[in-house]
Structures are given as structure tokens and as C-alpha cells.
Amino acid sequence: MFGDLFGKLQEAQQKMQESKERLRHITIEGEAGGVKALVTGGREVKSVEIDPELLSADRKEELEDLLITALNRALKQAEETWEAEMKGMAGGMLGGMGIPGM
């Protein structure tokens, strides 16, 4: 009984690692005004693009606000992608464990 459970746990750990690796290769874009932020499904910021029109000293505050908004949008989508991946993986594992009530 415990050997089977241990095997299932090892399989779950391997699937978790595979999911994390897949998420590192998914890119998600967040945009606000003339700012685009690109992040991975693992929530790592990969790049930020800024419209040259926003690069003047009198638009500094606006640019900072747009950067925050674009990054937060991209990171929120990355978090949702992460959660969906983990939920799908957990559902598959629990279904395979034959745990009553799950």
C-alpha cells in the first residue's frame, strides 16, 4: 500500500517539475499605453518595450505608472496560467490515486 503511494508521490513530483519547466517556456504579454511587458508562465520578467514618445522627462510619472500597470497585467495572467496548470495537474494526480471523495 505505502509502496504504491510512494510511487504516486514520486510521479506527482516529476509531473510538477515538468509543469514548472513548461511554464518557463510560455510567454505572456501585458500592455498599458505604450508599454509592453513580457513575462514567462513562471512569473519571470523577460522584457519591457517602451514607446519612444513616453521617454521625455515631462512624462516620467506617466511612464512609471504604465510600467507598473503593464507588469502587473502580465504577472496576473502568468499567475492565472500557473494556477490553471497546477489545477490540471492536481486533478489528474488525485484522480489517479483513487482517494475516496476526491
PDB file of N, CA and C in Angstrom:
ATOM      1  N   MET A   1       0.821  -1.195   0.000  1.00  0.00           N
ATOM      2  CA  MET A   1       0.000   0.000   0.000  1.00  0.00           C
ATOM      3  C   MET A   1       0.870   1.267   0.000  1.00  0.00           C
ATOM      4  N   PHE A   2       1.839   1.326   0.941  1.00  0.00           N
ATOM      5  CA  PHE A   2       2.673   2.518   1.021  1.00  0.00           C
ATOM      6  C   PHE A   2       3.629   2.625  -0.156  1.00  0.00           C
ATOM      7  N   GLY A   3       4.058   1.476  -0.680  1.00  0.00           N
ATOM      8  CA  GLY A   3       4.927   1.490  -1.855  1.00  0.00           C
ATOM      9  C   GLY A   3       4.214   2.104  -3.040  1.00  0.00           C
ATOM     10  N   ASP A   4       2.939   1.773  -3.207  1.00  0.00           N
ATOM     11  CA  ASP A   4       2.143   2.331  -4.296  1.00  0.00           C
ATOM     12  C   ASP A   4       1.956   3.834  -4.103  1.00  0.00           C
ATOM     13  N   LEU A   5       1.682   4.247  -2.865  1.00  0.00           N
ATOM     14  CA  LEU A   5       1.507   5.660  -2.562  1.00  0.00           C
ATOM     15  C   LEU A   5       2.812   6.418  -2.792  1.00  0.00           C
ATOM     16  N   PHE A   6       3.929   5.827  -2.378  1.00  0.00           N
ATOM     17  CA  PHE A   6       5.239   6.455  -2.580  1.00  0.00           C
ATOM     18  C   PHE A   6       5.514   6.626  -4.078  1.00  0.00           C
ATOM     19  N   GLY A   7       5.174   5.619  -4.860  1.00  0.00           N
ATOM     20  CA  GLY A   7       5.348   5.700  -6.312  1.00  0.00           C
ATOM     21  C   GLY A   7       4.505   6.808  -6.907  1.00  0.00           C
ATOM     22  N   LYS A   8       3.276   6.940  -6.423  1.00  0.00           N
ATOM     23  CA  LYS A   8       2.384   8.005  -6.907  1.00  0.00           C
ATOM     24  C   LYS A   8       2.936   9.380  -6.536  1.00  0.00           C
ATOM     25  N   LEU A   9       3.496   9.489  -5.335  1.00  0.00           N
ATOM     26  CA  LEU A   9       4.071  10.771  -4.904  1.00  0.00           C
ATOM     27  C   LEU A   9       5.294  11.137  -5.745  1.00  0.00           C
ATOM     28  N   GLN A  10       6.114  10.148  -6.064  1.00  0.00           N
ATOM     29  CA  GLN A  10       7.271  10.408  -6.923  1.00  0.00           C
ATOM     30  C   GLN A  10       6.801  10.841  -8.311  1.00  0.00           C
ATOM     31  N   GLU A  11       5.776  10.193  -8.811  1.00  0.00           N
ATOM     32  CA  GLU A  11       5.218  10.547 -10.121  1.00  0.00           C
ATOM     33  C   GLU A  11       4.658  11.971 -10.083  1.00  0.00           C
ATOM     34  N   ALA A  12       3.996  12.315  -8.995  1.00  0.00           N
ATOM     35  CA  ALA A  12       3.445  13.661  -8.842  1.00  0.00           C
ATOM     36  C   ALA A  12       4.555  14.697  -8.818  1.00  0.00           C
ATOM     37  N   GLN A  13       5.641  14.391  -8.121  1.00  0.00           N
ATOM     38  CA  GLN A  13       6.771  15.317  -8.058  1.00  0.00           C
ATOM     39  C   GLN A  13       7.390  15.515  -9.443  1.00  0.00           C
ATOM     40  N   GLN A  14       7.502  14.452 -10.204  1.00  0.00           N
ATOM     41  CA  GLN A  14       8.051  14.554 -11.553  1.00  0.00           C
ATOM     42  C   GLN A  14       7.131  15.391 -12.443  1.00  0.00           C
ATOM     43  N   LYS A  15       5.826  15.178 -12.330  1.00  0.00           N
ATOM     44  CA  LYS A  15       4.874  15.944 -13.130  1.00  0.00           C
ATOM     45  C   LYS A  15       4.914  17.422 -12.755  1.00  0.00           C
ATOM     46  N   MET A  16       5.111  17.714 -11.477  1.00  0.00           N
ATOM     47  CA  MET A  16       5.217  19.096 -11.017  1.00  0.00           C
ATOM     48  C   MET A  16       6.437  19.761 -11.656  1.00  0.00           C
ATOM     49  N   GLN A  17       7.563  19.063 -11.683  1.00  0.00           N
ATOM     50  CA  GLN A  17       8.774  19.601 -12.309  1.00  0.00           C
ATOM     51  C   GLN A  17       8.554  19.837 -13.806  1.00  0.00           C
ATOM     52  N   GLU A  18       7.889  18.899 -14.469  1.00  0.00           N
ATOM     53  CA  GLU A  18       7.604  19.042 -15.893  1.00  0.00           C
ATOM     54  C   GLU A  18       6.700  20.242 -16.140  1.00  0.00           C
ATOM     55  N   SER A  19       5.711  20.442 -15.281  1.00  0.00           N
ATOM     56  CA  SER A  19       4.808  21.589 -15.414  1.00  0.00           C
ATOM     57  C   SER A  19       5.566  22.898 -15.234  1.00  0.00           C
ATOM     58  N   LYS A  20       6.434  22.951 -14.233  1.00  0.00           N
ATOM     59  CA  LYS A  20       7.229  24.156 -13.997  1.00  0.00           C
ATOM     60  C   LYS A  20       8.104  24.463 -15.206  1.00  0.00           C
ATOM     61  N   GLU A  21       8.690  23.437 -15.793  1.00  0.00           N
ATOM     62  CA  GLU A  21       9.538  23.630 -16.972  1.00  0.00           C
ATOM     63  C   GLU A  21       8.712  24.150 -18.151  1.00  0.00           C
ATOM     64  N   ARG A  22       7.541  23.575 -18.355  1.00  0.00           N
ATOM     65  CA  ARG A  22       6.653  24.049 -19.432  1.00  0.00           C
ATOM     66  C   ARG A  22       6.293  25.515 -19.237  1.00  0.00           C
ATOM     67  N   LEU A  23       5.982  25.877 -18.004  1.00  0.00           N
ATOM     68  CA  LEU A  23       5.597  27.255 -17.712  1.00  0.00           C
ATOM     69  C   LEU A  23       6.727  28.243 -17.971  1.00  0.00           C
ATOM     70  N   ARG A  24       7.964  27.795 -17.795  1.00  0.00           N
ATOM     71  CA  ARG A  24       9.111  28.684 -18.062  1.00  0.00           C
ATOM     72  C   ARG A  24       9.199  29.062 -19.539  1.00  0.00           C
ATOM     73  N   HIS A  25       8.607  28.238 -20.409  1.00  0.00           N
ATOM     74  CA  HIS A  25       8.695  28.484 -21.850  1.00  0.00           C
ATOM     75  C   HIS A  25       7.457  29.157 -22.422  1.00  0.00           C
ATOM     76  N   ILE A  26       6.463  29.386 -21.591  1.00  0.00           N
ATOM     77  CA  ILE A  26       5.258  30.106 -22.025  1.00  0.00           C
ATOM     78  C   ILE A  26       5.508  31.585 -21.790  1.00  0.00           C
ATOM     79  N   THR A  27       5.236  32.411 -22.788  1.00  0.00           N
ATOM     80  CA  THR A  27       5.397  33.854 -22.600  1.00  0.00           C
ATOM     81  C   THR A  27       4.032  34.527 -22.640  1.00  0.00           C
ATOM     82  N   ILE A  28       3.892  35.533 -21.790  1.00  0.00           N
ATOM     83  CA  ILE A  28       2.644  36.258 -21.624  1.00  0.00           C
ATOM     84  C   ILE A  28       2.956  37.732 -21.700  1.00  0.00           C
ATOM     85  N   GLU A  29       2.103  38.469 -22.420  1.00  0.00           N
ATOM     86  CA  GLU A  29       2.323  39.897 -22.601  1.00  0.00           C
ATOM     87  C   GLU A  29       1.273  40.697 -21.850  1.00  0.00           C
ATOM     88  N   GLY A  30       1.735  41.735 -21.187  1.00  0.00           N
ATOM     89  CA  GLY A  30       0.848  42.715 -20.562  1.00  0.00           C
ATOM     90  C   GLY A  30       1.105  44.051 -21.223  1.00  0.00           C
ATOM     91  N   GLU A  31       0.059  44.830 -21.438  1.00  0.00           N
ATOM     92  CA  GLU A  31       0.215  46.094 -22.150  1.00  0.00           C
ATOM     93  C   GLU A  31      -0.564  47.194 -21.442  1.00  0.00           C
ATOM     94  N   ALA A  32       0.004  48.376 -21.454  1.00  0.00           N
ATOM     95  CA  ALA A  32      -0.655  49.571 -20.921  1.00  0.00           C
ATOM     96  C   ALA A  32      -0.094  50.772 -21.651  1.00  0.00           C
ATOM     97  N   GLY A  33      -0.961  51.509 -22.326  1.00  0.00           N
ATOM     98  CA  GLY A  33      -0.493  52.672 -23.070  1.00  0.00           C
ATOM     99  C   GLY A  33       0.532  52.247 -24.089  1.00  0.00           C
ATOM    100  N   GLY A  34       1.689  52.823 -24.055  1.00  0.00           N
ATOM    101  CA  GLY A  34       2.760  52.481 -24.984  1.00  0.00           C
ATOM    102  C   GLY A  34       3.810  51.574 -24.364  1.00  0.00           C
ATOM    103  N   VAL A  35       3.429  50.810 -23.339  1.00  0.00           N
ATOM    104  CA  VAL A  35       4.368  49.935 -22.654  1.00  0.00           C
ATOM    105  C   VAL A  35       3.899  48.495 -22.773  1.00  0.00           C
ATOM    106  N   LYS A  36       4.831  47.599 -23.145  1.00  0.00           N
ATOM    107  CA  LYS A  36       4.548  46.173 -23.207  1.00  0.00           C
ATOM    108  C   LYS A  36       5.542  45.453 -22.311  1.00  0.00           C
ATOM    109  N   ALA A  37       5.013  44.537 -21.510  1.00  0.00           N
ATOM    110  CA  ALA A  37       5.872  43.723 -20.647  1.00  0.00           C
ATOM    111  C   ALA A  37       5.677  42.265 -21.034  1.00  0.00           C
ATOM    112  N   LEU A  38       6.770  41.540 -21.139  1.00  0.00           N
ATOM    113  CA  LEU A  38       6.731  40.125 -21.483  1.00  0.00           C
ATOM    114  C   LEU A  38       7.262  39.341 -20.290  1.00  0.00           C
ATOM    115  N   VAL A  39       6.446  38.384 -19.788  1.00  0.00           N
ATOM    116  CA  VAL A  39       6.847  37.547 -18.667  1.00  0.00           C
ATOM    117  C   VAL A  39       6.633  36.084 -19.041  1.00  0.00           C
ATOM    118  N   THR A  40       7.248  35.189 -18.280  1.00  0.00           N
ATOM    119  CA  THR A  40       7.048  33.758 -18.502  1.00  0.00           C
ATOM    120  C   THR A  40       5.907  33.274 -17.615  1.00  0.00           C
ATOM    121  N   GLY A  41       5.432  32.063 -17.899  1.00  0.00           N
ATOM    122  CA  GLY A  41       4.431  31.448 -17.042  1.00  0.00           C
ATOM    123  C   GLY A  41       4.978  31.172 -15.655  1.00  0.00           C
ATOM    124  N   GLY A  42       6.293  31.198 -15.517  1.00  0.00           N
ATOM    125  CA  GLY A  42       6.946  31.058 -14.224  1.00  0.00           C
ATOM    126  C   GLY A  42       7.102  32.385 -13.502  1.00  0.00           C
ATOM    127  N   ARG A  43       6.492  33.428 -14.050  1.00  0.00           N
ATOM    128  CA  ARG A  43       6.447  34.777 -13.468  1.00  0.00           C
ATOM    129  C   ARG A  43       7.806  35.467 -13.428  1.00  0.00           C
ATOM    130  N   GLU A  44       8.580  35.268 -14.490  1.00  0.00           N
ATOM    131  CA  GLU A  44       9.866  35.944 -14.636  1.00  0.00           C
ATOM    132  C   GLU A  44       9.730  36.981 -15.743  1.00  0.00           C
ATOM    133  N   VAL A  45      10.103  38.241 -15.449  1.00  0.00           N
ATOM    134  CA  VAL A  45      10.037  39.307 -16.442  1.00  0.00           C
ATOM    135  C   VAL A  45      11.145  39.078 -17.461  1.00  0.00           C
ATOM    136  N   LYS A  46      10.764  39.004 -18.750  1.00  0.00           N
ATOM    137  CA  LYS A  46      11.734  38.756 -19.812  1.00  0.00           C
ATOM    138  C   LYS A  46      12.105  40.039 -20.556  1.00  0.00           C
ATOM    139  N   SER A  47      11.131  40.916 -20.781  1.00  0.00           N
ATOM    140  CA  SER A  47      11.448  42.154 -21.494  1.00  0.00           C
ATOM    141  C   SER A  47      10.382  43.205 -21.249  1.00  0.00           C
ATOM    142  N   VAL A  48      10.771  44.447 -21.496  1.00  0.00           N
ATOM    143  CA  VAL A  48       9.859  45.587 -21.420  1.00  0.00           C
ATOM    144  C   VAL A  48      10.143  46.451 -22.637  1.00  0.00           C
ATOM    145  N   GLU A  49       9.073  46.788 -23.376  1.00  0.00           N
ATOM    146  CA  GLU A  49       9.197  47.679 -24.532  1.00  0.00           C
ATOM    147  C   GLU A  49       8.459  48.974 -24.222  1.00  0.00           C
ATOM    148  N   ILE A  50       9.095  50.092 -24.536  1.00  0.00           N
ATOM    149  CA  ILE A  50       8.514  51.409 -24.250  1.00  0.00           C
ATOM    150  C   ILE A  50       8.446  52.218 -25.530  1.00  0.00           C
ATOM    151  N   ASP A  51       7.272  52.767 -25.794  1.00  0.00           N
ATOM    152  CA  ASP A  51       7.084  53.647 -26.945  1.00  0.00           C
ATOM    153  C   ASP A  51       7.999  54.862 -26.755  1.00  0.00           C
ATOM    154  N   PRO A  52       8.812  55.204 -27.750  1.00  0.00           N
ATOM    155  CA  PRO A  52       9.744  56.331 -27.615  1.00  0.00           C
ATOM    156  C   PRO A  52       9.071  57.650 -27.225  1.00  0.00           C
ATOM    157  N   GLU A  53       7.803  57.815 -27.558  1.00  0.00           N
ATOM    158  CA  GLU A  53       7.103  59.056 -27.200  1.00  0.00           C
ATOM    159  C   GLU A  53       6.966  59.231 -25.685  1.00  0.00           C
ATOM    160  N   LEU A  54       7.091  58.143 -24.945  1.00  0.00           N
ATOM    161  CA  LEU A  54       6.965  58.209 -23.489  1.00  0.00           C
ATOM    162  C   LEU A  54       8.287  58.529 -22.798  1.00  0.00           C
ATOM    163  N   LEU A  55       9.350  58.682 -23.568  1.00  0.00           N
ATOM    164  CA  LEU A  55      10.683  58.838 -22.986  1.00  0.00           C
ATOM    165  C   LEU A  55      11.123  60.290 -22.776  1.00  0.00           C
ATOM    166  N   SER A  56      10.184  61.170 -22.585  1.00  0.00           N
ATOM    167  CA  SER A  56      10.554  62.551 -22.291  1.00  0.00           C
ATOM    168  C   SER A  56      10.425  62.791 -20.787  1.00  0.00           C
ATOM    169  N   ALA A  57      11.217  63.723 -20.280  1.00  0.00           N
ATOM    170  CA  ALA A  57      11.268  63.984 -18.840  1.00  0.00           C
ATOM    171  C   ALA A  57       9.904  64.382 -18.281  1.00  0.00           C
ATOM    172  N   ASP A  58       9.105  65.103 -19.056  1.00  0.00           N
ATOM    173  CA  ASP A  58       7.808  65.545 -18.543  1.00  0.00           C
ATOM    174  C   ASP A  58       6.768  64.413 -18.501  1.00  0.00           C
ATOM    175  N   ARG A  59       7.103  63.236 -19.019  1.00  0.00           N
ATOM    176  CA  ARG A  59       6.172  62.089 -18.989  1.00  0.00           C
ATOM    177  C   ARG A  59       6.687  60.973 -18.070  1.00  0.00           C
ATOM    178  N   LYS A  60       7.658  61.316 -17.217  1.00  0.00           N
ATOM    179  CA  LYS A  60       8.288  60.332 -16.343  1.00  0.00           C
ATOM    180  C   LYS A  60       7.257  59.616 -15.462  1.00  0.00           C
ATOM    181  N   GLU A  61       6.402  60.360 -14.784  1.00  0.00           N
ATOM    182  CA  GLU A  61       5.403  59.756 -13.898  1.00  0.00           C
ATOM    183  C   GLU A  61       4.437  58.862 -14.675  1.00  0.00           C
ATOM    184  N   GLU A  62       4.009  59.335 -15.832  1.00  0.00           N
ATOM    185  CA  GLU A  62       3.104  58.543 -16.668  1.00  0.00           C
ATOM    186  C   GLU A  62       3.776  57.226 -17.076  1.00  0.00           C
ATOM    187  N   LEU A  63       5.032  57.300 -17.469  1.00  0.00           N
ATOM    188  CA  LEU A  63       5.772  56.103 -17.869  1.00  0.00           C
ATOM    189  C   LEU A  63       5.888  55.121 -16.699  1.00  0.00           C
ATOM    190  N   GLU A  64       6.207  55.625 -15.517  1.00  0.00           N
ATOM    191  CA  GLU A  64       6.308  54.760 -14.344  1.00  0.00           C
ATOM    192  C   GLU A  64       4.979  54.055 -14.056  1.00  0.00           C
ATOM    193  N   ASP A  65       3.878  54.802 -14.139  1.00  0.00           N
ATOM    194  CA  ASP A  65       2.551  54.210 -13.919  1.00  0.00           C
ATOM    195  C   ASP A  65       2.233  53.158 -14.973  1.00  0.00           C
ATOM    196  N   LEU A  66       2.565  53.437 -16.230  1.00  0.00           N
ATOM    197  CA  LEU A  66       2.302  52.477 -17.303  1.00  0.00           C
ATOM    198  C   LEU A  66       3.144  51.215 -17.149  1.00  0.00           C
ATOM    199  N   LEU A  67       4.390  51.387 -16.728  1.00  0.00           N
ATOM    200  CA  LEU A  67       5.254  50.222 -16.478  1.00  0.00           C
ATOM    201  C   LEU A  67       4.658  49.317 -15.395  1.00  0.00           C
ATOM    202  N   ILE A  68       4.227  49.917 -14.312  1.00  0.00           N
ATOM    203  CA  ILE A  68       3.629  49.147 -13.220  1.00  0.00           C
ATOM    204  C   ILE A  68       2.383  48.425 -13.699  1.00  0.00           C
ATOM    205  N   THR A  69       1.535  49.129 -14.438  1.00  0.00           N
ATOM    206  CA  THR A  69       0.291  48.528 -14.929  1.00  0.00           C
ATOM    207  C   THR A  69       0.577  47.386 -15.896  1.00  0.00           C
ATOM    208  N   ALA A  70       1.475  47.590 -16.846  1.00  0.00           N
ATOM    209  CA  ALA A  70       1.795  46.542 -17.828  1.00  0.00           C
ATOM    210  C   ALA A  70       2.389  45.312 -17.140  1.00  0.00           C
ATOM    211  N   LEU A  71       3.312  45.531 -16.221  1.00  0.00           N
ATOM    212  CA  LEU A  71       3.923  44.409 -15.500  1.00  0.00           C
ATOM    213  C   LEU A  71       2.892  43.666 -14.659  1.00  0.00           C
ATOM    214  N   ASN A  72       2.044  44.403 -13.957  1.00  0.00           N
ATOM    215  CA  ASN A  72       1.026  43.748 -13.133  1.00  0.00           C
ATOM    216  C   ASN A  72       0.042  42.951 -13.982  1.00  0.00           C
ATOM    217  N   ARG A  73      -0.329  43.470 -15.128  1.00  0.00           N
ATOM    218  CA  ARG A  73      -1.232  42.729 -16.023  1.00  0.00           C
ATOM    219  C   ARG A  73      -0.586  41.430 -16.500  1.00  0.00           C
ATOM    220  N   ALA A  74       0.663  41.523 -16.921  1.00  0.00           N
ATOM    221  CA  ALA A  74       1.363  40.331 -17.406  1.00  0.00           C
ATOM    222  C   ALA A  74       1.547  39.320 -16.282  1.00  0.00           C
ATOM    223  N   LEU A  75       1.928  39.792 -15.102  1.00  0.00           N
ATOM    224  CA  LEU A  75       2.145  38.890 -13.976  1.00  0.00           C
ATOM    225  C   LEU A  75       0.839  38.260 -13.500  1.00  0.00           C
ATOM    226  N   LYS A  76      -0.256  38.988 -13.579  1.00  0.00           N
ATOM    227  CA  LYS A  76      -1.561  38.426 -13.200  1.00  0.00           C
ATOM    228  C   LYS A  76      -1.939  37.302 -14.167  1.00  0.00           C
ATOM    229  N   GLN A  77      -1.730  37.535 -15.454  1.00  0.00           N
ATOM    230  CA  GLN A  77      -2.021  36.487 -16.439  1.00  0.00           C
ATOM    231  C   GLN A  77      -1.097  35.286 -16.244  1.00  0.00           C
ATOM    232  N   ALA A  78       0.155  35.545 -15.898  1.00  0.00           N
ATOM    233  CA  ALA A  78       1.096  34.454 -15.644  1.00  0.00           C
ATOM    234  C   ALA A  78       0.644  33.650 -14.428  1.00  0.00           C
ATOM    235  N   GLU A  79       0.173  34.327 -13.400  1.00  0.00           N
ATOM    236  CA  GLU A  79      -0.320  33.644 -12.204  1.00  0.00           C
ATOM    237  C   GLU A  79      -1.533  32.776 -12.547  1.00  0.00           C
ATOM    238  N   GLU A  80      -2.442  33.306 -13.365  1.00  0.00           N
ATOM    239  CA  GLU A  80      -3.612  32.534 -13.780  1.00  0.00           C
ATOM    240  C   GLU A  80      -3.203  31.313 -14.602  1.00  0.00           C
ATOM    241  N   THR A  81      -2.213  31.470 -15.457  1.00  0.00           N
ATOM    242  CA  THR A  81      -1.698  30.356 -16.250  1.00  0.00           C
ATOM    243  C   THR A  81      -1.079  29.310 -15.336  1.00  0.00           C
ATOM    244  N   TRP A  82      -0.306  29.763 -14.361  1.00  0.00           N
ATOM    245  CA  TRP A  82       0.329  28.874 -13.388  1.00  0.00           C
ATOM    246  C   TRP A  82      -0.741  28.084 -12.632  1.00  0.00           C
ATOM    247  N   GLU A  83      -1.756  28.787 -12.138  1.00  0.00           N
ATOM    248  CA  GLU A  83      -2.811  28.127 -11.367  1.00  0.00           C
ATOM    249  C   GLU A  83      -3.562  27.103 -12.215  1.00  0.00           C
ATOM    250  N   ALA A  84      -3.853  27.440 -13.458  1.00  0.00           N
ATOM    251  CA  ALA A  84      -4.553  26.507 -14.338  1.00  0.00           C
ATOM    252  C   ALA A  84      -3.712  25.253 -14.577  1.00  0.00           C
ATOM    253  N   GLU A  85      -2.420  25.435 -14.769  1.00  0.00           N
ATOM    254  CA  GLU A  85      -1.519  24.302 -14.989  1.00  0.00           C
ATOM    255  C   GLU A  85      -1.477  23.413 -13.748  1.00  0.00           C
ATOM    256  N   MET A  86      -1.343  24.016 -12.586  1.00  0.00           N
ATOM    257  CA  MET A  86      -1.263  23.248 -11.346  1.00  0.00           C
ATOM    258  C   MET A  86      -2.599  22.558 -11.041  1.00  0.00           C
ATOM    259  N   LYS A  87      -3.690  23.241 -11.294  1.00  0.00           N
ATOM    260  CA  LYS A  87      -5.014  22.655 -11.052  1.00  0.00           C
ATOM    261  C   LYS A  87      -5.233  21.439 -11.952  1.00  0.00           C
ATOM    262  N   GLY A  88      -4.863  21.573 -13.216  1.00  0.00           N
ATOM    263  CA  GLY A  88      -4.991  20.462 -14.147  1.00  0.00           C
ATOM    264  C   GLY A  88      -4.128  19.285 -13.735  1.00  0.00           C
ATOM    265  N   MET A  89      -2.926  19.584 -13.291  1.00  0.00           N
ATOM    266  CA  MET A  89      -2.020  18.536 -12.864  1.00  0.00           C
ATOM    267  C   MET A  89      -2.546  17.862 -11.596  1.00  0.00           C
ATOM    268  N   ALA A  90      -3.013  18.645 -10.641  1.00  0.00           N
ATOM    269  CA  ALA A  90      -3.512  18.096  -9.375  1.00  0.00           C
ATOM    270  C   ALA A  90      -4.752  17.245  -9.616  1.00  0.00           C
ATOM    271  N   GLY A  91      -5.623  17.684 -10.495  1.00  0.00           N
ATOM    272  CA  GLY A  91      -6.817  16.908 -10.794  1.00  0.00           C
ATOM    273  C   GLY A  91      -6.461  15.570 -11.395  1.00  0.00           C
ATOM    274  N   GLY A  92      -5.495  15.561 -12.269  1.00  0.00           N
ATOM    275  CA  GLY A  92      -5.053  14.322 -12.887  1.00  0.00           C
ATOM    276  C   GLY A  92      -4.416  13.378 -11.884  1.00  0.00           C
ATOM    277  N   MET A  93      -3.653  13.940 -10.943  1.00  0.00           N
ATOM    278  CA  MET A  93      -2.986  13.091  -9.950  1.00  0.00           C
ATOM    279  C   MET A  93      -3.984  12.523  -8.963  1.00  0.00           C
ATOM    280  N   LEU A  94      -4.873  13.361  -8.465  1.00  0.00           N
ATOM    281  CA  LEU A  94      -5.831  12.898  -7.449  1.00  0.00           C
ATOM    282  C   LEU A  94      -6.762  11.851  -8.040  1.00  0.00           C
ATOM    283  N   GLY A  95      -7.137  12.041  -9.293  1.00  0.00           N
ATOM    284  CA  GLY A  95      -7.988  11.052  -9.939  1.00  0.00           C
ATOM    285  C   GLY A  95      -7.285   9.724 -10.063  1.00  0.00           C
ATOM    286  N   GLY A  96      -5.985   9.756 -10.255  1.00  0.00           N
ATOM    287  CA  GLY A  96      -5.212   8.521 -10.407  1.00  0.00           C
ATOM    288  C   GLY A  96      -4.880   7.848  -9.087  1.00  0.00           C
ATOM    289  N   MET A  97      -5.034   8.551  -7.970  1.00  0.00           N
ATOM    290  CA  MET A  97      -4.698   7.964  -6.673  1.00  0.00           C
ATOM    291  C   MET A  97      -5.848   7.145  -6.090  1.00  0.00           C
ATOM    292  N   GLY A  98      -7.022   7.328  -6.623  1.00  0.00           N
ATOM    293  CA  GLY A  98      -8.164   6.558  -6.125  1.00  0.00           C
ATOM    294  C   GLY A  98      -8.521   6.896  -4.697  1.00  0.00           C
ATOM    295  N   ILE A  99      -8.406   8.166  -4.305  1.00  0.00           N
ATOM    296  CA  ILE A  99      -8.742   8.591  -2.959  1.00  0.00           C
ATOM    297  C   ILE A  99     -10.249   8.843  -2.906  1.00  0.00           C
ATOM    298  N   PRO A 100     -10.968   8.162  -2.007  1.00  0.00           N
ATOM    299  CA  PRO A 100     -12.413   8.333  -1.933  1.00  0.00           C
ATOM    300  C   PRO A 100     -12.767   9.784  -1.626  1.00  0.00           C
ATOM    301  N   GLY A 101     -13.807  10.272  -2.276  1.00  0.00           N
ATOM    302  CA  GLY A 101     -14.282  11.617  -2.036  1.00  0.00           C
ATOM    303  C   GLY A 101     -13.530  12.693  -2.781  1.00  0.00           C
ATOM    304  N   MET A 102     -12.524  12.333  -3.546  1.00  0.00           N
ATOM    305  CA  MET A 102     -11.743  13.329  -4.275  1.00  0.00           C
ATOM    306  C   MET A 102     -12.134  13.337  -5.721  1.00  0.00           C
TER     307      MET A 102
END
